[in-house]
């Protein structure tokens, strides 16, 4: 009896685990692996389980963010419209507000489309302005839309005057917020910061509309001196403009 007890103490654990292993092997064999797959599936479900999502709170947070963004956008547009209204009230001309509804990335500095046209009294060559000054002129109209040639376009030419000294020249667009003023003759008294307006000699643009200010000079340029003009109207970012109509 003692011999059996000692033998069991020595080999019993190995026999027990061997029997369990044999039993598991038989179960796997008879189930063709289905048992082990089921065990792995249940373990993976417990490991990969996600915490319960509060869908109502998630929807509420997204709604609040959306409303916040909408309010910020409306406030920005309201400020822009207030500035435009103030600008139109100060002008003796008849100005028609218009929203920019089209602008191609490939022609960002060349053309914009606005939401007024022939039905609102707009015609070709009408002047377009924004808060700060000249934006461009109407180049094409439909019943309810118009295309505006911007002063920043390479093909744009605007007669200009230095307000302080009355020197004359014309501004060429450079596809940027900066235009080039080319003087008609030699000039001596021109400074950085001088204000530039439309010329009384222009056949398209009425006189004294603000265009910009001088930010660079090259008075030695040939065949004519030049100045860099920063446009005072935000040509690079237009949402609302006004059209001067008869």
C-alpha atoms as a PDB file:
ATOM      1  CA  UNK A   1       0.000   0.000   0.000  1.00  0.00           C
ATOM      2  CA  UNK A   2       2.792   2.395   0.901  1.00  0.00           C
ATOM      3  CA  UNK A   3       4.487   1.505  -2.316  1.00  0.00           C
ATOM      4  CA  UNK A   4       1.381   2.527  -4.332  1.00  0.00           C
ATOM      5  CA  UNK A   5       1.052   5.779  -2.340  1.00  0.00           C
ATOM      6  CA  UNK A   6       4.660   6.715  -2.980  1.00  0.00           C
ATOM      7  CA  UNK A   7       4.278   5.820  -6.639  1.00  0.00           C
ATOM      8  CA  UNK A   8       1.140   8.064  -6.912  1.00  0.00           C
ATOM      9  CA  UNK A   9       2.910  10.960  -5.219  1.00  0.00           C
ATOM     10  CA  UNK A  10       5.688  10.646  -7.729  1.00  0.00           C
ATOM     11  CA  UNK A  11       3.679  10.116 -10.924  1.00  0.00           C
ATOM     12  CA  UNK A  12       0.098  11.109 -10.051  1.00  0.00           C
ATOM     13  CA  UNK A  13       0.294  14.734 -11.242  1.00  0.00           C
ATOM     14  CA  UNK A  14       1.796  13.679 -14.537  1.00  0.00           C
ATOM     15  CA  UNK A  15      -0.893  11.062 -15.028  1.00  0.00           C
ATOM     16  CA  UNK A  16      -3.664  13.564 -14.211  1.00  0.00           C
ATOM     17  CA  UNK A  17      -2.440  16.168 -16.725  1.00  0.00           C
ATOM     18  CA  UNK A  18      -1.753  13.465 -19.237  1.00  0.00           C
ATOM     19  CA  UNK A  19      -5.339  12.248 -18.892  1.00  0.00           C
ATOM     20  CA  UNK A  20      -6.691  15.776 -19.263  1.00  0.00           C
ATOM     21  CA  UNK A  21      -4.541  16.322 -22.330  1.00  0.00           C
ATOM     22  CA  UNK A  22      -5.723  13.043 -23.814  1.00  0.00           C
ATOM     23  CA  UNK A  23      -9.339  13.977 -23.151  1.00  0.00           C
ATOM     24  CA  UNK A  24      -8.919  17.394 -24.803  1.00  0.00           C
ATOM     25  CA  UNK A  25      -7.187  15.780 -27.775  1.00  0.00           C
ATOM     26  CA  UNK A  26     -10.087  13.327 -28.180  1.00  0.00           C
ATOM     27  CA  UNK A  27     -12.642  16.158 -27.988  1.00  0.00           C
ATOM     28  CA  UNK A  28     -10.769  18.166 -30.614  1.00  0.00           C
ATOM     29  CA  UNK A  29     -10.482  15.127 -32.833  1.00  0.00           C
ATOM     30  CA  UNK A  30     -14.180  14.255 -32.632  1.00  0.00           C
ATOM     31  CA  UNK A  31     -15.325  17.896 -33.077  1.00  0.00           C
ATOM     32  CA  UNK A  32     -12.813  18.483 -35.913  1.00  0.00           C
ATOM     33  CA  UNK A  33     -11.530  21.667 -34.229  1.00  0.00           C
ATOM     34  CA  UNK A  34     -14.953  23.232 -33.654  1.00  0.00           C
ATOM     35  CA  UNK A  35     -14.507  23.222 -29.886  1.00  0.00           C
ATOM     36  CA  UNK A  36     -11.225  25.120 -29.937  1.00  0.00           C
ATOM     37  CA  UNK A  37     -12.644  27.625 -32.420  1.00  0.00           C
ATOM     38  CA  UNK A  38     -15.602  28.288 -30.136  1.00  0.00           C
ATOM     39  CA  UNK A  39     -13.322  28.815 -27.148  1.00  0.00           C
ATOM     40  CA  UNK A  40     -11.109  31.239 -29.066  1.00  0.00           C
ATOM     41  CA  UNK A  41     -14.170  33.127 -30.349  1.00  0.00           C
ATOM     42  CA  UNK A  42     -15.560  33.626 -26.838  1.00  0.00           C
ATOM     43  CA  UNK A  43     -12.180  34.745 -25.515  1.00  0.00           C
ATOM     44  CA  UNK A  44     -11.764  37.243 -28.366  1.00  0.00           C
ATOM     45  CA  UNK A  45     -15.251  38.633 -27.752  1.00  0.00           C
ATOM     46  CA  UNK A  46     -14.385  39.382 -24.158  1.00  0.00           C
ATOM     47  CA  UNK A  47     -11.025  40.933 -25.061  1.00  0.00           C
ATOM     48  CA  UNK A  48     -12.363  43.090 -27.923  1.00  0.00           C
ATOM     49  CA  UNK A  49     -15.601  44.179 -26.346  1.00  0.00           C
ATOM     50  CA  UNK A  50     -16.030  47.955 -26.424  1.00  0.00           C
ATOM     51  CA  UNK A  51     -17.552  50.062 -23.667  1.00  0.00           C
ATOM     52  CA  UNK A  52     -21.187  51.005 -24.094  1.00  0.00           C
ATOM     53  CA  UNK A  53     -21.514  54.124 -26.325  1.00  0.00           C
ATOM     54  CA  UNK A  54     -23.849  56.835 -25.138  1.00  0.00           C
ATOM     55  CA  UNK A  55     -25.355  57.581 -28.544  1.00  0.00           C
ATOM     56  CA  UNK A  56     -27.619  60.303 -27.210  1.00  0.00           C
ATOM     57  CA  UNK A  57     -24.697  62.183 -25.638  1.00  0.00           C
ATOM     58  CA  UNK A  58     -22.629  61.750 -28.813  1.00  0.00           C
ATOM     59  CA  UNK A  59     -25.455  63.146 -30.964  1.00  0.00           C
ATOM     60  CA  UNK A  60     -25.914  66.040 -28.536  1.00  0.00           C
ATOM     61  CA  UNK A  61     -22.206  66.929 -28.633  1.00  0.00           C
ATOM     62  CA  UNK A  62     -22.121  66.871 -32.426  1.00  0.00           C
ATOM     63  CA  UNK A  63     -25.257  69.009 -32.618  1.00  0.00           C
ATOM     64  CA  UNK A  64     -23.760  71.579 -30.247  1.00  0.00           C
ATOM     65  CA  UNK A  65     -20.544  71.744 -32.317  1.00  0.00           C
ATOM     66  CA  UNK A  66     -22.537  72.142 -35.536  1.00  0.00           C
ATOM     67  CA  UNK A  67     -24.653  74.938 -34.052  1.00  0.00           C
ATOM     68  CA  UNK A  68     -21.552  76.664 -32.678  1.00  0.00           C
ATOM     69  CA  UNK A  69     -19.916  76.621 -36.118  1.00  0.00           C
ATOM     70  CA  UNK A  70     -23.115  77.912 -37.729  1.00  0.00           C
ATOM     71  CA  UNK A  71     -23.376  80.772 -35.238  1.00  0.00           C
ATOM     72  CA  UNK A  72     -19.737  81.740 -35.820  1.00  0.00           C
ATOM     73  CA  UNK A  73     -20.307  81.761 -39.602  1.00  0.00           C
ATOM     74  CA  UNK A  74     -23.469  83.881 -39.282  1.00  0.00           C
ATOM     75  CA  UNK A  75     -21.695  86.349 -37.000  1.00  0.00           C
ATOM     76  CA  UNK A  76     -18.866  86.742 -39.510  1.00  0.00           C
ATOM     77  CA  UNK A  77     -21.325  87.311 -42.366  1.00  0.00           C
ATOM     78  CA  UNK A  78     -23.288  89.784 -40.229  1.00  0.00           C
ATOM     79  CA  UNK A  79     -20.155  91.832 -39.583  1.00  0.00           C
ATOM     80  CA  UNK A  80     -19.314  91.836 -43.295  1.00  0.00           C
ATOM     81  CA  UNK A  81     -22.829  92.961 -44.221  1.00  0.00           C
ATOM     82  CA  UNK A  82     -22.737  95.738 -41.620  1.00  0.00           C
ATOM     83  CA  UNK A  83     -19.522  97.091 -43.148  1.00  0.00           C
ATOM     84  CA  UNK A  84     -21.026  96.860 -46.633  1.00  0.00           C
ATOM     85  CA  UNK A  85     -24.224  98.628 -45.537  1.00  0.00           C
ATOM     86  CA  UNK A  86     -22.209 101.425 -43.964  1.00  0.00           C
ATOM     87  CA  UNK A  87     -20.211 101.738 -47.189  1.00  0.00           C
ATOM     88  CA  UNK A  88     -23.325 101.952 -49.378  1.00  0.00           C
ATOM     89  CA  UNK A  89     -24.998 104.522 -47.124  1.00  0.00           C
ATOM     90  CA  UNK A  90     -22.022 106.857 -47.456  1.00  0.00           C
ATOM     91  CA  UNK A  91     -21.942 106.621 -51.251  1.00  0.00           C
ATOM     92  CA  UNK A  92     -23.978 109.101 -53.362  1.00  0.00           C
ATOM     93  CA  UNK A  93     -24.240 106.481 -56.118  1.00  0.00           C
ATOM     94  CA  UNK A  94     -26.865 103.765 -56.429  1.00  0.00           C
ATOM     95  CA  UNK A  95     -25.182 100.619 -55.169  1.00  0.00           C
ATOM     96  CA  UNK A  96     -26.639  97.127 -55.468  1.00  0.00           C
ATOM     97  CA  UNK A  97     -25.406  94.550 -52.905  1.00  0.00           C
ATOM     98  CA  UNK A  98     -24.393  91.187 -54.350  1.00  0.00           C
ATOM     99  CA  UNK A  99     -23.097  87.899 -52.991  1.00  0.00           C
ATOM    100  CA  UNK A 100     -20.150  86.089 -54.553  1.00  0.00           C
ATOM    101  CA  UNK A 101     -21.514  82.690 -55.600  1.00  0.00           C
ATOM    102  CA  UNK A 102     -18.704  81.362 -57.766  1.00  0.00           C
ATOM    103  CA  UNK A 103     -14.921  81.483 -57.819  1.00  0.00           C
ATOM    104  CA  UNK A 104     -12.667  78.961 -59.513  1.00  0.00           C
ATOM    105  CA  UNK A 105      -9.368  77.993 -57.834  1.00  0.00           C
ATOM    106  CA  UNK A 106      -7.775  78.099 -61.298  1.00  0.00           C
ATOM    107  CA  UNK A 107      -8.919  81.712 -61.802  1.00  0.00           C
ATOM    108  CA  UNK A 108      -8.969  82.881 -58.199  1.00  0.00           C
ATOM    109  CA  UNK A 109      -7.460  86.275 -58.937  1.00  0.00           C
ATOM    110  CA  UNK A 110      -9.175  86.726 -62.297  1.00  0.00           C
ATOM    111  CA  UNK A 111     -12.956  86.299 -62.120  1.00  0.00           C
ATOM    112  CA  UNK A 112     -15.799  85.922 -59.610  1.00  0.00           C
ATOM    113  CA  UNK A 113     -19.495  85.292 -60.231  1.00  0.00           C
ATOM    114  CA  UNK A 114     -22.140  87.276 -58.312  1.00  0.00           C
ATOM    115  CA  UNK A 115     -25.865  86.676 -57.812  1.00  0.00           C
ATOM    116  CA  UNK A 116     -27.256  89.749 -59.634  1.00  0.00           C
ATOM    117  CA  UNK A 117     -27.685  90.328 -63.353  1.00  0.00           C
ATOM    118  CA  UNK A 118     -29.786  91.959 -66.036  1.00  0.00           C
ATOM    119  CA  UNK A 119     -33.021  91.506 -64.103  1.00  0.00           C
ATOM    120  CA  UNK A 120     -31.555  93.624 -61.306  1.00  0.00           C
ATOM    121  CA  UNK A 121     -30.312  96.332 -63.679  1.00  0.00           C
ATOM    122  CA  UNK A 122     -26.695  95.188 -63.980  1.00  0.00           C
ATOM    123  CA  UNK A 123     -24.921  95.685 -67.304  1.00  0.00           C
ATOM    124  CA  UNK A 124     -21.461  95.232 -68.817  1.00  0.00           C
ATOM    125  CA  UNK A 125     -18.733  97.558 -67.479  1.00  0.00           C
ATOM    126  CA  UNK A 126     -20.667  98.464 -64.317  1.00  0.00           C
ATOM    127  CA  UNK A 127     -18.226  99.101 -61.476  1.00  0.00           C
ATOM    128  CA  UNK A 128     -17.902  96.564 -58.628  1.00  0.00           C
ATOM    129  CA  UNK A 129     -16.626  97.587 -55.205  1.00  0.00           C
ATOM    130  CA  UNK A 130     -16.122  96.039 -51.815  1.00  0.00           C
ATOM    131  CA  UNK A 131     -15.428  97.312 -48.343  1.00  0.00           C
ATOM    132  CA  UNK A 132     -12.201  99.263 -48.862  1.00  0.00           C
ATOM    133  CA  UNK A 133     -12.514 100.220 -52.515  1.00  0.00           C
ATOM    134  CA  UNK A 134     -12.463  99.021 -56.106  1.00  0.00           C
ATOM    135  CA  UNK A 135     -12.855  95.308 -56.870  1.00  0.00           C
ATOM    136  CA  UNK A 136     -13.349  95.235 -60.641  1.00  0.00           C
ATOM    137  CA  UNK A 137     -15.972  95.632 -63.364  1.00  0.00           C
ATOM    138  CA  UNK A 138     -18.770  93.571 -64.871  1.00  0.00           C
ATOM    139  CA  UNK A 139     -17.558  91.698 -67.940  1.00  0.00           C
ATOM    140  CA  UNK A 140     -20.583  89.484 -68.662  1.00  0.00           C
ATOM    141  CA  UNK A 141     -24.205  89.228 -67.478  1.00  0.00           C
ATOM    142  CA  UNK A 142     -27.078  86.765 -67.536  1.00  0.00           C
ATOM    143  CA  UNK A 143     -30.612  87.249 -66.249  1.00  0.00           C
ATOM    144  CA  UNK A 144     -29.654  86.823 -62.588  1.00  0.00           C
ATOM    145  CA  UNK A 145     -25.869  86.469 -62.442  1.00  0.00           C
ATOM    146  CA  UNK A 146     -22.795  88.392 -63.559  1.00  0.00           C
ATOM    147  CA  UNK A 147     -19.094  87.711 -63.977  1.00  0.00           C
ATOM    148  CA  UNK A 148     -16.667  90.248 -62.542  1.00  0.00           C
ATOM    149  CA  UNK A 149     -13.192  90.886 -63.967  1.00  0.00           C
ATOM    150  CA  UNK A 150     -11.073  91.590 -60.890  1.00  0.00           C
ATOM    151  CA  UNK A 151      -8.471  94.349 -60.739  1.00  0.00           C
ATOM    152  CA  UNK A 152      -5.950  91.640 -59.798  1.00  0.00           C
ATOM    153  CA  UNK A 153      -6.325  89.961 -63.212  1.00  0.00           C
ATOM    154  CA  UNK A 154      -3.307  90.184 -65.550  1.00  0.00           C
ATOM    155  CA  UNK A 155      -5.576  91.607 -68.264  1.00  0.00           C
ATOM    156  CA  UNK A 156      -7.005  94.325 -66.011  1.00  0.00           C
ATOM    157  CA  UNK A 157      -5.950  97.936 -66.560  1.00  0.00           C
ATOM    158  CA  UNK A 158      -7.185 100.704 -64.271  1.00  0.00           C
ATOM    159  CA  UNK A 159      -6.318 104.376 -64.659  1.00  0.00           C
ATOM    160  CA  UNK A 160      -4.960 105.619 -61.334  1.00  0.00           C
ATOM    161  CA  UNK A 161      -3.966 108.814 -59.542  1.00  0.00           C
ATOM    162  CA  UNK A 162      -1.716 109.435 -56.540  1.00  0.00           C
ATOM    163  CA  UNK A 163      -4.062 111.406 -54.300  1.00  0.00           C
ATOM    164  CA  UNK A 164      -1.341 113.515 -52.676  1.00  0.00           C
ATOM    165  CA  UNK A 165       0.585 114.591 -55.759  1.00  0.00           C
ATOM    166  CA  UNK A 166      -1.916 113.868 -58.589  1.00  0.00           C
ATOM    167  CA  UNK A 167       0.624 111.827 -60.567  1.00  0.00           C
ATOM    168  CA  UNK A 168      -1.120 109.653 -63.167  1.00  0.00           C
ATOM    169  CA  UNK A 169      -0.584 106.101 -64.343  1.00  0.00           C
ATOM    170  CA  UNK A 170      -2.350 102.765 -64.746  1.00  0.00           C
ATOM    171  CA  UNK A 171      -2.502  99.671 -62.560  1.00  0.00           C
ATOM    172  CA  UNK A 172      -1.873  96.170 -63.914  1.00  0.00           C
ATOM    173  CA  UNK A 173      -3.040  93.085 -62.053  1.00  0.00           C
ATOM    174  CA  UNK A 174      -0.477  90.517 -60.865  1.00  0.00           C
ATOM    175  CA  UNK A 175      -2.741  87.679 -59.689  1.00  0.00           C
ATOM    176  CA  UNK A 176      -2.213  88.708 -56.083  1.00  0.00           C
ATOM    177  CA  UNK A 177      -3.282  91.334 -53.553  1.00  0.00           C
ATOM    178  CA  UNK A 178      -0.506  93.526 -55.004  1.00  0.00           C
ATOM    179  CA  UNK A 179      -0.811  95.379 -58.332  1.00  0.00           C
ATOM    180  CA  UNK A 180       1.755  97.318 -60.359  1.00  0.00           C
ATOM    181  CA  UNK A 181       1.237 101.043 -60.969  1.00  0.00           C
ATOM    182  CA  UNK A 182       3.115 102.175 -64.069  1.00  0.00           C
ATOM    183  CA  UNK A 183       3.441 105.952 -64.315  1.00  0.00           C
ATOM    184  CA  UNK A 184       2.978 107.780 -67.603  1.00  0.00           C
ATOM    185  CA  UNK A 185       6.046 109.966 -67.002  1.00  0.00           C
ATOM    186  CA  UNK A 186       8.975 110.483 -64.644  1.00  0.00           C
ATOM    187  CA  UNK A 187       7.923 111.140 -61.051  1.00  0.00           C
ATOM    188  CA  UNK A 188       9.856 112.482 -58.093  1.00  0.00           C
ATOM    189  CA  UNK A 189       7.482 112.986 -55.178  1.00  0.00           C
ATOM    190  CA  UNK A 190       6.070 109.527 -54.449  1.00  0.00           C
ATOM    191  CA  UNK A 191       6.240 107.831 -51.052  1.00  0.00           C
ATOM    192  CA  UNK A 192       5.442 104.530 -49.410  1.00  0.00           C
ATOM    193  CA  UNK A 193       1.951 104.823 -47.969  1.00  0.00           C
ATOM    194  CA  UNK A 194       0.611 107.230 -50.607  1.00  0.00           C
ATOM    195  CA  UNK A 195      -3.067 106.589 -51.353  1.00  0.00           C
ATOM    196  CA  UNK A 196      -4.065 105.621 -54.901  1.00  0.00           C
ATOM    197  CA  UNK A 197      -7.523 106.201 -56.411  1.00  0.00           C
ATOM    198  CA  UNK A 198      -9.136 105.859 -59.830  1.00  0.00           C
ATOM    199  CA  UNK A 199      -8.163 108.542 -62.325  1.00  0.00           C
ATOM    200  CA  UNK A 200     -10.389 111.285 -63.703  1.00  0.00           C
ATOM    201  CA  UNK A 201      -8.934 110.406 -67.126  1.00  0.00           C
ATOM    202  CA  UNK A 202     -10.372 106.863 -67.074  1.00  0.00           C
ATOM    203  CA  UNK A 203     -13.070 106.103 -69.637  1.00  0.00           C
ATOM    204  CA  UNK A 204     -14.457 103.129 -67.671  1.00  0.00           C
ATOM    205  CA  UNK A 205     -14.016 103.855 -63.977  1.00  0.00           C
ATOM    206  CA  UNK A 206     -15.419 106.978 -62.293  1.00  0.00           C
ATOM    207  CA  UNK A 207     -12.797 109.126 -60.485  1.00  0.00           C
ATOM    208  CA  UNK A 208     -11.721 109.005 -56.852  1.00  0.00           C
ATOM    209  CA  UNK A 209     -12.648 105.402 -56.022  1.00  0.00           C
ATOM    210  CA  UNK A 210     -10.072 104.054 -53.531  1.00  0.00           C
ATOM    211  CA  UNK A 211      -7.807 101.410 -55.013  1.00  0.00           C
ATOM    212  CA  UNK A 212      -4.968 100.943 -52.574  1.00  0.00           C
ATOM    213  CA  UNK A 213      -1.762 102.328 -51.148  1.00  0.00           C
ATOM    214  CA  UNK A 214       1.857 102.254 -52.267  1.00  0.00           C
ATOM    215  CA  UNK A 215       3.962  99.570 -50.593  1.00  0.00           C
ATOM    216  CA  UNK A 216       6.956  99.520 -52.938  1.00  0.00           C
ATOM    217  CA  UNK A 217       8.756 101.830 -55.386  1.00  0.00           C
ATOM    218  CA  UNK A 218      11.101 101.522 -58.344  1.00  0.00           C
ATOM    219  CA  UNK A 219      11.520 105.037 -59.741  1.00  0.00           C
ATOM    220  CA  UNK A 220      14.522 103.971 -61.865  1.00  0.00           C
ATOM    221  CA  UNK A 221      12.492 101.421 -63.808  1.00  0.00           C
ATOM    222  CA  UNK A 222      12.522 101.931 -67.586  1.00  0.00           C
ATOM    223  CA  UNK A 223      10.755 102.840 -69.763  1.00  0.00           C
ATOM    224  CA  UNK A 224       8.556 104.184 -66.910  1.00  0.00           C
ATOM    225  CA  UNK A 225       8.790 104.294 -63.094  1.00  0.00           C
ATOM    226  CA  UNK A 226       6.702 101.754 -61.189  1.00  0.00           C
ATOM    227  CA  UNK A 227       5.123 101.328 -57.776  1.00  0.00           C
ATOM    228  CA  UNK A 228       3.636  98.317 -56.012  1.00  0.00           C
ATOM    229  CA  UNK A 229       0.059  98.892 -54.870  1.00  0.00           C
ATOM    230  CA  UNK A 230      -1.631  96.881 -52.138  1.00  0.00           C
ATOM    231  CA  UNK A 231      -5.357  96.809 -52.850  1.00  0.00           C
ATOM    232  CA  UNK A 232      -7.490  98.086 -49.987  1.00  0.00           C
ATOM    233  CA  UNK A 233     -10.469  95.933 -50.963  1.00  0.00           C
ATOM    234  CA  UNK A 234      -9.996  92.287 -49.906  1.00  0.00           C
ATOM    235  CA  UNK A 235      -9.697  90.907 -53.437  1.00  0.00           C
ATOM    236  CA  UNK A 236      -8.190  87.688 -52.089  1.00  0.00           C
ATOM    237  CA  UNK A 237     -11.279  86.979 -49.965  1.00  0.00           C
ATOM    238  CA  UNK A 238     -14.584  88.274 -51.332  1.00  0.00           C
ATOM    239  CA  UNK A 239     -17.988  87.209 -50.055  1.00  0.00           C
ATOM    240  CA  UNK A 240     -20.069  90.358 -50.625  1.00  0.00           C
ATOM    241  CA  UNK A 241     -19.648  93.250 -53.062  1.00  0.00           C
ATOM    242  CA  UNK A 242     -21.701  96.167 -54.393  1.00  0.00           C
ATOM    243  CA  UNK A 243     -22.381  97.037 -58.007  1.00  0.00           C
ATOM    244  CA  UNK A 244     -22.687 100.683 -59.070  1.00  0.00           C
ATOM    245  CA  UNK A 245     -25.736 100.841 -61.359  1.00  0.00           C
ATOM    246  CA  UNK A 246     -27.409 103.768 -63.121  1.00  0.00           C
END
